[in-house]
Amino acid sequence: LALPKVYPEWCTQKVLVMDYMAGESL
């Protein structure tokens, strides 16, 4: 499994920042 980490210092109720994960939809 590959799971993105989030960056809490840049997250708000309307913004979410997490790792870019390269891949294709199933």
mmCIF file of all heavy atoms, coordinates in Angstrom:
data_MODEL
# 
_entry.id   MODEL 
# 
loop_
_atom_site.group_PDB 
_atom_site.id 
_atom_site.type_symbol 
_atom_site.label_atom_id 
_atom_site.label_alt_id 
_atom_site.label_comp_id 
_atom_site.label_asym_id 
_atom_site.label_entity_id 
_atom_site.label_seq_id 
_atom_site.pdbx_PDB_ins_code 
_atom_site.Cartn_x 
_atom_site.Cartn_y 
_atom_site.Cartn_z 
_atom_site.occupancy 
_atom_site.B_iso_or_equiv 
_atom_site.pdbx_formal_charge 
_atom_site.auth_seq_id 
_atom_site.auth_comp_id 
_atom_site.auth_asym_id 
_atom_site.auth_atom_id 
_atom_site.pdbx_PDB_model_num 
ATOM 1   N N   . LEU A 1 1  ? 0.838   -1.194 0.000   1.00 0.00 ? 1  LEU A N   1 
ATOM 2   C CA  . LEU A 1 1  ? 0.000   0.000  0.000   1.00 0.00 ? 1  LEU A CA  1 
ATOM 3   C C   . LEU A 1 1  ? 0.875   1.246  0.000   1.00 0.00 ? 1  LEU A C   1 
ATOM 4   O O   . LEU A 1 1  ? 1.955   1.268  0.593   1.00 0.00 ? 1  LEU A O   1 
ATOM 5   C CB  . LEU A 1 1  ? -0.915  0.025  1.228   1.00 0.00 ? 1  LEU A CB  1 
ATOM 6   C CG  . LEU A 1 1  ? -1.869  -1.151 1.415   1.00 0.00 ? 1  LEU A CG  1 
ATOM 7   C CD1 . LEU A 1 1  ? -2.692  -0.949 2.682   1.00 0.00 ? 1  LEU A CD1 1 
ATOM 8   C CD2 . LEU A 1 1  ? -2.772  -1.327 0.211   1.00 0.00 ? 1  LEU A CD2 1 
ATOM 9   N N   . ALA A 1 2  ? 0.404   2.282  -0.659  1.00 0.00 ? 2  ALA A N   1 
ATOM 10  C CA  . ALA A 1 2  ? 1.054   3.588  -0.628  1.00 0.00 ? 2  ALA A CA  1 
ATOM 11  C C   . ALA A 1 2  ? 0.036   4.604  -0.132  1.00 0.00 ? 2  ALA A C   1 
ATOM 12  O O   . ALA A 1 2  ? -1.063  4.718  -0.701  1.00 0.00 ? 2  ALA A O   1 
ATOM 13  C CB  . ALA A 1 2  ? 1.570   3.984  -2.013  1.00 0.00 ? 2  ALA A CB  1 
ATOM 14  N N   . LEU A 1 3  ? 0.377   5.310  0.936   1.00 0.00 ? 3  LEU A N   1 
ATOM 15  C CA  . LEU A 1 3  ? -0.560  6.232  1.576   1.00 0.00 ? 3  LEU A CA  1 
ATOM 16  C C   . LEU A 1 3  ? 0.064   7.618  1.692   1.00 0.00 ? 3  LEU A C   1 
ATOM 17  O O   . LEU A 1 3  ? 1.226   7.748  2.075   1.00 0.00 ? 3  LEU A O   1 
ATOM 18  C CB  . LEU A 1 3  ? -0.939  5.720  2.970   1.00 0.00 ? 3  LEU A CB  1 
ATOM 19  C CG  . LEU A 1 3  ? -1.436  4.267  3.027   1.00 0.00 ? 3  LEU A CG  1 
ATOM 20  C CD1 . LEU A 1 3  ? -1.574  3.813  4.460   1.00 0.00 ? 3  LEU A CD1 1 
ATOM 21  C CD2 . LEU A 1 3  ? -2.755  4.136  2.297   1.00 0.00 ? 3  LEU A CD2 1 
ATOM 22  N N   . PRO A 1 4  ? -0.679  8.650  1.372   1.00 0.00 ? 4  PRO A N   1 
ATOM 23  C CA  . PRO A 1 4  ? -0.119  10.001 1.449   1.00 0.00 ? 4  PRO A CA  1 
ATOM 24  C C   . PRO A 1 4  ? -0.030  10.505 2.885   1.00 0.00 ? 4  PRO A C   1 
ATOM 25  O O   . PRO A 1 4  ? -0.904  10.229 3.713   1.00 0.00 ? 4  PRO A O   1 
ATOM 26  C CB  . PRO A 1 4  ? -1.122  10.834 0.644   1.00 0.00 ? 4  PRO A CB  1 
ATOM 27  C CG  . PRO A 1 4  ? -2.424  10.101 0.822   1.00 0.00 ? 4  PRO A CG  1 
ATOM 28  C CD  . PRO A 1 4  ? -2.069  8.641  0.879   1.00 0.00 ? 4  PRO A CD  1 
ATOM 29  N N   . LYS A 1 5  ? 1.033   11.247 3.169   1.00 0.00 ? 5  LYS A N   1 
ATOM 30  C CA  . LYS A 1 5  ? 1.132   11.984 4.425   1.00 0.00 ? 5  LYS A CA  1 
ATOM 31  C C   . LYS A 1 5  ? 0.509   13.359 4.227   1.00 0.00 ? 5  LYS A C   1 
ATOM 32  O O   . LYS A 1 5  ? 0.571   13.930 3.147   1.00 0.00 ? 5  LYS A O   1 
ATOM 33  C CB  . LYS A 1 5  ? 2.597   12.141 4.846   1.00 0.00 ? 5  LYS A CB  1 
ATOM 34  C CG  . LYS A 1 5  ? 3.281   10.851 5.259   1.00 0.00 ? 5  LYS A CG  1 
ATOM 35  C CD  . LYS A 1 5  ? 4.704   11.130 5.712   1.00 0.00 ? 5  LYS A CD  1 
ATOM 36  C CE  . LYS A 1 5  ? 5.414   9.861  6.144   1.00 0.00 ? 5  LYS A CE  1 
ATOM 37  N NZ  . LYS A 1 5  ? 6.820   10.125 6.578   1.00 0.00 ? 5  LYS A NZ  1 
ATOM 38  N N   . VAL A 1 6  ? -0.088  13.876 5.287   1.00 0.00 ? 6  VAL A N   1 
ATOM 39  C CA  . VAL A 1 6  ? -0.662  15.219 5.215   1.00 0.00 ? 6  VAL A CA  1 
ATOM 40  C C   . VAL A 1 6  ? 0.274   16.200 5.910   1.00 0.00 ? 6  VAL A C   1 
ATOM 41  O O   . VAL A 1 6  ? 1.137   15.810 6.704   1.00 0.00 ? 6  VAL A O   1 
ATOM 42  C CB  . VAL A 1 6  ? -2.062  15.272 5.859   1.00 0.00 ? 6  VAL A CB  1 
ATOM 43  C CG1 . VAL A 1 6  ? -3.044  14.414 5.090   1.00 0.00 ? 6  VAL A CG1 1 
ATOM 44  C CG2 . VAL A 1 6  ? -2.009  14.852 7.322   1.00 0.00 ? 6  VAL A CG2 1 
ATOM 45  N N   . TYR A 1 7  ? 0.095   17.489 5.609   1.00 0.00 ? 7  TYR A N   1 
ATOM 46  C CA  . TYR A 1 7  ? 0.915   18.548 6.175   1.00 0.00 ? 7  TYR A CA  1 
ATOM 47  C C   . TYR A 1 7  ? 0.009   19.472 6.986   1.00 0.00 ? 7  TYR A C   1 
ATOM 48  O O   . TYR A 1 7  ? -0.550  20.437 6.461   1.00 0.00 ? 7  TYR A O   1 
ATOM 49  C CB  . TYR A 1 7  ? 1.648   19.303 5.059   1.00 0.00 ? 7  TYR A CB  1 
ATOM 50  C CG  . TYR A 1 7  ? 2.618   18.402 4.321   1.00 0.00 ? 7  TYR A CG  1 
ATOM 51  C CD1 . TYR A 1 7  ? 2.184   17.591 3.271   1.00 0.00 ? 7  TYR A CD1 1 
ATOM 52  C CD2 . TYR A 1 7  ? 3.947   18.314 4.716   1.00 0.00 ? 7  TYR A CD2 1 
ATOM 53  C CE1 . TYR A 1 7  ? 3.069   16.733 2.624   1.00 0.00 ? 7  TYR A CE1 1 
ATOM 54  C CE2 . TYR A 1 7  ? 4.833   17.462 4.076   1.00 0.00 ? 7  TYR A CE2 1 
ATOM 55  C CZ  . TYR A 1 7  ? 4.383   16.675 3.033   1.00 0.00 ? 7  TYR A CZ  1 
ATOM 56  O OH  . TYR A 1 7  ? 5.262   15.814 2.393   1.00 0.00 ? 7  TYR A OH  1 
ATOM 57  N N   . PRO A 1 8  ? -0.154  19.165 8.293   1.00 0.00 ? 8  PRO A N   1 
ATOM 58  C CA  . PRO A 1 8  ? -1.133  19.884 9.118   1.00 0.00 ? 8  PRO A CA  1 
ATOM 59  C C   . PRO A 1 8  ? -0.918  21.395 9.151   1.00 0.00 ? 8  PRO A C   1 
ATOM 60  O O   . PRO A 1 8  ? -1.890  22.147 9.306   1.00 0.00 ? 8  PRO A O   1 
ATOM 61  C CB  . PRO A 1 8  ? -0.932  19.272 10.511  1.00 0.00 ? 8  PRO A CB  1 
ATOM 62  C CG  . PRO A 1 8  ? -0.317  17.930 10.262  1.00 0.00 ? 8  PRO A CG  1 
ATOM 63  C CD  . PRO A 1 8  ? 0.544   18.111 9.056   1.00 0.00 ? 8  PRO A CD  1 
ATOM 64  N N   . GLU A 1 9  ? 0.332   21.837 9.021   1.00 0.00 ? 9  GLU A N   1 
ATOM 65  C CA  . GLU A 1 9  ? 0.591   23.276 9.114   1.00 0.00 ? 9  GLU A CA  1 
ATOM 66  C C   . GLU A 1 9  ? -0.043  24.067 7.983   1.00 0.00 ? 9  GLU A C   1 
ATOM 67  O O   . GLU A 1 9  ? -0.221  25.287 8.079   1.00 0.00 ? 9  GLU A O   1 
ATOM 68  C CB  . GLU A 1 9  ? 2.099   23.543 9.155   1.00 0.00 ? 9  GLU A CB  1 
ATOM 69  C CG  . GLU A 1 9  ? 2.866   23.116 7.923   1.00 0.00 ? 9  GLU A CG  1 
ATOM 70  C CD  . GLU A 1 9  ? 3.388   21.691 7.980   1.00 0.00 ? 9  GLU A CD  1 
ATOM 71  O OE1 . GLU A 1 9  ? 2.693   20.843 8.584   1.00 0.00 ? 9  GLU A OE1 1 
ATOM 72  O OE2 . GLU A 1 9  ? 4.470   21.428 7.426   1.00 0.00 ? 9  GLU A OE2 1 
ATOM 73  N N   . TRP A 1 10 ? -0.408  23.379 6.884   1.00 0.00 ? 10 TRP A N   1 
ATOM 74  C CA  . TRP A 1 10 ? -1.019  24.054 5.742   1.00 0.00 ? 10 TRP A CA  1 
ATOM 75  C C   . TRP A 1 10 ? -2.461  23.603 5.515   1.00 0.00 ? 10 TRP A C   1 
ATOM 76  O O   . TRP A 1 10 ? -3.022  23.876 4.462   1.00 0.00 ? 10 TRP A O   1 
ATOM 77  C CB  . TRP A 1 10 ? -0.189  23.822 4.473   1.00 0.00 ? 10 TRP A CB  1 
ATOM 78  C CG  . TRP A 1 10 ? 1.254   24.183 4.607   1.00 0.00 ? 10 TRP A CG  1 
ATOM 79  C CD1 . TRP A 1 10 ? 2.341   23.367 4.399   1.00 0.00 ? 10 TRP A CD1 1 
ATOM 80  C CD2 . TRP A 1 10 ? 1.786   25.452 5.001   1.00 0.00 ? 10 TRP A CD2 1 
ATOM 81  N NE1 . TRP A 1 10 ? 3.502   24.044 4.639   1.00 0.00 ? 10 TRP A NE1 1 
ATOM 82  C CE2 . TRP A 1 10 ? 3.199   25.337 5.009   1.00 0.00 ? 10 TRP A CE2 1 
ATOM 83  C CE3 . TRP A 1 10 ? 1.216   26.680 5.344   1.00 0.00 ? 10 TRP A CE3 1 
ATOM 84  C CZ2 . TRP A 1 10 ? 4.038   26.385 5.348   1.00 0.00 ? 10 TRP A CZ2 1 
ATOM 85  C CZ3 . TRP A 1 10 ? 2.048   27.727 5.690   1.00 0.00 ? 10 TRP A CZ3 1 
ATOM 86  C CH2 . TRP A 1 10 ? 3.440   27.578 5.696   1.00 0.00 ? 10 TRP A CH2 1 
ATOM 87  N N   . CYS A 1 11 ? -3.050  22.919 6.478   1.00 0.00 ? 11 CYS A N   1 
ATOM 88  C CA  . CYS A 1 11 ? -4.422  22.446 6.340   1.00 0.00 ? 11 CYS A CA  1 
ATOM 89  C C   . CYS A 1 11 ? -5.385  23.337 7.122   1.00 0.00 ? 11 CYS A C   1 
ATOM 90  O O   . CYS A 1 11 ? -5.085  23.767 8.234   1.00 0.00 ? 11 CYS A O   1 
ATOM 91  C CB  . CYS A 1 11 ? -4.545  21.003 6.837   1.00 0.00 ? 11 CYS A CB  1 
ATOM 92  S SG  . CYS A 1 11 ? -3.606  19.797 5.870   1.00 0.00 ? 11 CYS A SG  1 
ATOM 93  N N   . THR A 1 12 ? -6.533  23.599 6.519   1.00 0.00 ? 12 THR A N   1 
ATOM 94  C CA  . THR A 1 12 ? -7.611  24.337 7.175   1.00 0.00 ? 12 THR A CA  1 
ATOM 95  C C   . THR A 1 12 ? -8.915  23.616 6.888   1.00 0.00 ? 12 THR A C   1 
ATOM 96  O O   . THR A 1 12 ? -8.922  22.559 6.240   1.00 0.00 ? 12 THR A O   1 
ATOM 97  C CB  . THR A 1 12 ? -7.707  25.790 6.663   1.00 0.00 ? 12 THR A CB  1 
ATOM 98  O OG1 . THR A 1 12 ? -8.258  25.784 5.334   1.00 0.00 ? 12 THR A OG1 1 
ATOM 99  C CG2 . THR A 1 12 ? -6.341  26.467 6.630   1.00 0.00 ? 12 THR A CG2 1 
ATOM 100 N N   . GLN A 1 13 ? -10.021 24.191 7.317   1.00 0.00 ? 13 GLN A N   1 
ATOM 101 C CA  . GLN A 1 13 ? -11.316 23.562 7.046   1.00 0.00 ? 13 GLN A CA  1 
ATOM 102 C C   . GLN A 1 13 ? -11.592 23.463 5.555   1.00 0.00 ? 13 GLN A C   1 
ATOM 103 O O   . GLN A 1 13 ? -12.314 22.580 5.109   1.00 0.00 ? 13 GLN A O   1 
ATOM 104 C CB  . GLN A 1 13 ? -12.444 24.339 7.723   1.00 0.00 ? 13 GLN A CB  1 
ATOM 105 C CG  . GLN A 1 13 ? -13.800 23.654 7.573   1.00 0.00 ? 13 GLN A CG  1 
ATOM 106 C CD  . GLN A 1 13 ? -14.902 24.350 8.336   1.00 0.00 ? 13 GLN A CD  1 
ATOM 107 O OE1 . GLN A 1 13 ? -14.649 25.276 9.083   1.00 0.00 ? 13 GLN A OE1 1 
ATOM 108 N NE2 . GLN A 1 13 ? -16.135 23.912 8.147   1.00 0.00 ? 13 GLN A NE2 1 
ATOM 109 N N   . LYS A 1 14 ? -10.967 24.342 4.748   1.00 0.00 ? 14 LYS A N   1 
ATOM 110 C CA  . LYS A 1 14 ? -11.252 24.371 3.311   1.00 0.00 ? 14 LYS A CA  1 
ATOM 111 C C   . LYS A 1 14 ? -10.049 24.014 2.445   1.00 0.00 ? 14 LYS A C   1 
ATOM 112 O O   . LYS A 1 14 ? -10.165 24.010 1.224   1.00 0.00 ? 14 LYS A O   1 
ATOM 113 C CB  . LYS A 1 14 ? -11.766 25.756 2.922   1.00 0.00 ? 14 LYS A CB  1 
ATOM 114 C CG  . LYS A 1 14 ? -13.064 26.142 3.603   1.00 0.00 ? 14 LYS A CG  1 
ATOM 115 C CD  . LYS A 1 14 ? -13.535 27.530 3.181   1.00 0.00 ? 14 LYS A CD  1 
ATOM 116 C CE  . LYS A 1 14 ? -14.836 27.908 3.886   1.00 0.00 ? 14 LYS A CE  1 
ATOM 117 N NZ  . LYS A 1 14 ? -15.309 29.254 3.484   1.00 0.00 ? 14 LYS A NZ  1 
ATOM 118 N N   . VAL A 1 15 ? -8.909  23.723 3.060   1.00 0.00 ? 15 VAL A N   1 
ATOM 119 C CA  . VAL A 1 15 ? -7.696  23.413 2.309   1.00 0.00 ? 15 VAL A CA  1 
ATOM 120 C C   . VAL A 1 15 ? -7.026  22.190 2.930   1.00 0.00 ? 15 VAL A C   1 
ATOM 121 O O   . VAL A 1 15 ? -6.897  22.091 4.146   1.00 0.00 ? 15 VAL A O   1 
ATOM 122 C CB  . VAL A 1 15 ? -6.708  24.598 2.313   1.00 0.00 ? 15 VAL A CB  1 
ATOM 123 C CG1 . VAL A 1 15 ? -5.416  24.222 1.581   1.00 0.00 ? 15 VAL A CG1 1 
ATOM 124 C CG2 . VAL A 1 15 ? -7.350  25.829 1.681   1.00 0.00 ? 15 VAL A CG2 1 
ATOM 125 N N   . LEU A 1 16 ? -6.601  21.255 2.067   1.00 0.00 ? 16 LEU A N   1 
ATOM 126 C CA  . LEU A 1 16 ? -5.907  20.052 2.527   1.00 0.00 ? 16 LEU A CA  1 
ATOM 127 C C   . LEU A 1 16 ? -4.667  19.859 1.671   1.00 0.00 ? 16 LEU A C   1 
ATOM 128 O O   . LEU A 1 16 ? -4.759  19.834 0.438   1.00 0.00 ? 16 LEU A O   1 
ATOM 129 C CB  . LEU A 1 16 ? -6.825  18.838 2.409   1.00 0.00 ? 16 LEU A CB  1 
ATOM 130 C CG  . LEU A 1 16 ? -6.297  17.499 2.932   1.00 0.00 ? 16 LEU A CG  1 
ATOM 131 C CD1 . LEU A 1 16 ? -6.130  17.548 4.442   1.00 0.00 ? 16 LEU A CD1 1 
ATOM 132 C CD2 . LEU A 1 16 ? -7.250  16.363 2.547   1.00 0.00 ? 16 LEU A CD2 1 
ATOM 133 N N   . VAL A 1 17 ? -3.515  19.727 2.314   1.00 0.00 ? 17 VAL A N   1 
ATOM 134 C CA  . VAL A 1 17 ? -2.250  19.544 1.598   1.00 0.00 ? 17 VAL A CA  1 
ATOM 135 C C   . VAL A 1 17 ? -1.663  18.194 1.987   1.00 0.00 ? 17 VAL A C   1 
ATOM 136 O O   . VAL A 1 17 ? -1.464  17.907 3.172   1.00 0.00 ? 17 VAL A O   1 
ATOM 137 C CB  . VAL A 1 17 ? -1.253  20.677 1.919   1.00 0.00 ? 17 VAL A CB  1 
ATOM 138 C CG1 . VAL A 1 17 ? 0.063   20.463 1.162   1.00 0.00 ? 17 VAL A CG1 1 
ATOM 139 C CG2 . VAL A 1 17 ? -1.854  22.039 1.569   1.00 0.00 ? 17 VAL A CG2 1 
ATOM 140 N N   . MET A 1 18 ? -1.393  17.358 0.978   1.00 0.00 ? 18 MET A N   1 
ATOM 141 C CA  . MET A 1 18 ? -0.844  16.021 1.233   1.00 0.00 ? 18 MET A CA  1 
ATOM 142 C C   . MET A 1 18 ? 0.117   15.638 0.115   1.00 0.00 ? 18 MET A C   1 
ATOM 143 O O   . MET A 1 18 ? 0.183   16.311 -0.917  1.00 0.00 ? 18 MET A O   1 
ATOM 144 C CB  . MET A 1 18 ? -1.973  14.989 1.335   1.00 0.00 ? 18 MET A CB  1 
ATOM 145 C CG  . MET A 1 18 ? -2.792  14.826 0.073   1.00 0.00 ? 18 MET A CG  1 
ATOM 146 S SD  . MET A 1 18 ? -4.038  13.511 0.229   1.00 0.00 ? 18 MET A SD  1 
ATOM 147 C CE  . MET A 1 18 ? -5.067  14.143 1.534   1.00 0.00 ? 18 MET A CE  1 
ATOM 148 N N   . ASP A 1 19 ? 0.846   14.550 0.337   1.00 0.00 ? 19 ASP A N   1 
ATOM 149 C CA  . ASP A 1 19 ? 1.813   14.077 -0.653  1.00 0.00 ? 19 ASP A CA  1 
ATOM 150 C C   . ASP A 1 19 ? 1.151   13.813 -1.998  1.00 0.00 ? 19 ASP A C   1 
ATOM 151 O O   . ASP A 1 19 ? 0.036   13.278 -2.055  1.00 0.00 ? 19 ASP A O   1 
ATOM 152 C CB  . ASP A 1 19 ? 2.471   12.773 -0.177  1.00 0.00 ? 19 ASP A CB  1 
ATOM 153 C CG  . ASP A 1 19 ? 3.475   12.986 0.930   1.00 0.00 ? 19 ASP A CG  1 
ATOM 154 O OD1 . ASP A 1 19 ? 4.019   14.098 1.046   1.00 0.00 ? 19 ASP A OD1 1 
ATOM 155 O OD2 . ASP A 1 19 ? 3.722   12.026 1.688   1.00 0.00 ? 19 ASP A OD2 1 
ATOM 156 N N   . TYR A 1 20 ? 1.861   14.154 -3.060  1.00 0.00 ? 20 TYR A N   1 
ATOM 157 C CA  . TYR A 1 20 ? 1.426   13.743 -4.400  1.00 0.00 ? 20 TYR A CA  1 
ATOM 158 C C   . TYR A 1 20 ? 1.749   12.270 -4.578  1.00 0.00 ? 20 TYR A C   1 
ATOM 159 O O   . TYR A 1 20 ? 2.854   11.813 -4.289  1.00 0.00 ? 20 TYR A O   1 
ATOM 160 C CB  . TYR A 1 20 ? 2.137   14.568 -5.472  1.00 0.00 ? 20 TYR A CB  1 
ATOM 161 C CG  . TYR A 1 20 ? 1.932   14.025 -6.870  1.00 0.00 ? 20 TYR A CG  1 
ATOM 162 C CD1 . TYR A 1 20 ? 0.708   14.169 -7.510  1.00 0.00 ? 20 TYR A CD1 1 
ATOM 163 C CD2 . TYR A 1 20 ? 2.955   13.349 -7.529  1.00 0.00 ? 20 TYR A CD2 1 
ATOM 164 C CE1 . TYR A 1 20 ? 0.503   13.656 -8.786  1.00 0.00 ? 20 TYR A CE1 1 
ATOM 165 C CE2 . TYR A 1 20 ? 2.760   12.837 -8.805  1.00 0.00 ? 20 TYR A CE2 1 
ATOM 166 C CZ  . TYR A 1 20 ? 1.529   12.995 -9.426  1.00 0.00 ? 20 TYR A CZ  1 
ATOM 167 O OH  . TYR A 1 20 ? 1.339   12.479 -10.677 1.00 0.00 ? 20 TYR A OH  1 
ATOM 168 N N   . MET A 1 21 ? 0.767   11.492 -5.045  1.00 0.00 ? 21 MET A N   1 
ATOM 169 C CA  . MET A 1 21 ? 0.947   10.060 -5.236  1.00 0.00 ? 21 MET A CA  1 
ATOM 170 C C   . MET A 1 21 ? 0.762   9.743  -6.716  1.00 0.00 ? 21 MET A C   1 
ATOM 171 O O   . MET A 1 21 ? -0.325  9.925  -7.269  1.00 0.00 ? 21 MET A O   1 
ATOM 172 C CB  . MET A 1 21 ? -0.071  9.272  -4.398  1.00 0.00 ? 21 MET A CB  1 
ATOM 173 C CG  . MET A 1 21 ? -0.128  9.667  -2.923  1.00 0.00 ? 21 MET A CG  1 
ATOM 174 S SD  . MET A 1 21 ? 1.419   9.319  -2.040  1.00 0.00 ? 21 MET A SD  1 
ATOM 175 C CE  . MET A 1 21 ? 1.338   7.540  -1.922  1.00 0.00 ? 21 MET A CE  1 
ATOM 176 N N   . ALA A 1 22 ? 1.821   9.280  -7.354  1.00 0.00 ? 22 ALA A N   1 
ATOM 177 C CA  . ALA A 1 22 ? 1.757   8.972  -8.787  1.00 0.00 ? 22 ALA A CA  1 
ATOM 178 C C   . ALA A 1 22 ? 1.075   7.632  -9.012  1.00 0.00 ? 22 ALA A C   1 
ATOM 179 O O   . ALA A 1 22 ? 1.385   6.640  -8.347  1.00 0.00 ? 22 ALA A O   1 
ATOM 180 C CB  . ALA A 1 22 ? 3.168   8.951  -9.374  1.00 0.00 ? 22 ALA A CB  1 
ATOM 181 N N   . GLY A 1 23 ? 0.144   7.595  -9.936  1.00 0.00 ? 23 GLY A N   1 
ATOM 182 C CA  . GLY A 1 23 ? -0.532  6.348  -10.254 1.00 0.00 ? 23 GLY A CA  1 
ATOM 183 C C   . GLY A 1 23 ? -1.735  6.599  -11.137 1.00 0.00 ? 23 GLY A C   1 
ATOM 184 O O   . GLY A 1 23 ? -2.022  7.732  -11.528 1.00 0.00 ? 23 GLY A O   1 
ATOM 185 N N   . GLU A 1 24 ? -2.441  5.511  -11.451 1.00 0.00 ? 24 GLU A N   1 
ATOM 186 C CA  . GLU A 1 24 ? -3.655  5.575  -12.264 1.00 0.00 ? 24 GLU A CA  1 
ATOM 187 C C   . GLU A 1 24 ? -4.817  5.001  -11.476 1.00 0.00 ? 24 GLU A C   1 
ATOM 188 O O   . GLU A 1 24 ? -4.650  4.087  -10.665 1.00 0.00 ? 24 GLU A O   1 
ATOM 189 C CB  . GLU A 1 24 ? -3.499  4.756  -13.547 1.00 0.00 ? 24 GLU A CB  1 
ATOM 190 C CG  . GLU A 1 24 ? -2.555  5.313  -14.587 1.00 0.00 ? 24 GLU A CG  1 
ATOM 191 C CD  . GLU A 1 24 ? -2.590  4.473  -15.861 1.00 0.00 ? 24 GLU A CD  1 
ATOM 192 O OE1 . GLU A 1 24 ? -3.451  4.750  -16.726 1.00 0.00 ? 24 GLU A OE1 1 
ATOM 193 O OE2 . GLU A 1 24 ? -1.783  3.535  -15.980 1.00 0.00 ? 24 GLU A OE2 1 
ATOM 194 N N   . SER A 1 25 ? -6.014  5.531  -11.727 1.00 0.00 ? 25 SER A N   1 
ATOM 195 C CA  . SER A 1 25 ? -7.210  4.975  -11.115 1.00 0.00 ? 25 SER A CA  1 
ATOM 196 C C   . SER A 1 25 ? -7.319  3.489  -11.446 1.00 0.00 ? 25 SER A C   1 
ATOM 197 O O   . SER A 1 25 ? -6.889  3.042  -12.514 1.00 0.00 ? 25 SER A O   1 
ATOM 198 C CB  . SER A 1 25 ? -8.443  5.716  -11.628 1.00 0.00 ? 25 SER A CB  1 
ATOM 199 O OG  . SER A 1 25 ? -9.617  4.974  -11.366 1.00 0.00 ? 25 SER A OG  1 
ATOM 200 N N   . LEU A 1 26 ? -7.894  2.723  -10.533 1.00 0.00 ? 26 LEU A N   1 
ATOM 201 C CA  . LEU A 1 26 ? -8.096  1.290  -10.794 1.00 0.00 ? 26 LEU A CA  1 
ATOM 202 C C   . LEU A 1 26 ? -8.973  1.052  -12.012 1.00 0.00 ? 26 LEU A C   1 
ATOM 203 O O   . LEU A 1 26 ? -9.051  -0.071 -12.511 1.00 0.00 ? 26 LEU A O   1 
ATOM 204 C CB  . LEU A 1 26 ? -8.712  0.603  -9.574  1.00 0.00 ? 26 LEU A CB  1 
ATOM 205 C CG  . LEU A 1 26 ? -7.778  0.305  -8.402  1.00 0.00 ? 26 LEU A CG  1 
ATOM 206 C CD1 . LEU A 1 26 ? -8.477  -0.574 -7.382  1.00 0.00 ? 26 LEU A CD1 1 
ATOM 207 C CD2 . LEU A 1 26 ? -6.489  -0.358 -8.863  1.00 0.00 ? 26 LEU A CD2 1 
# 
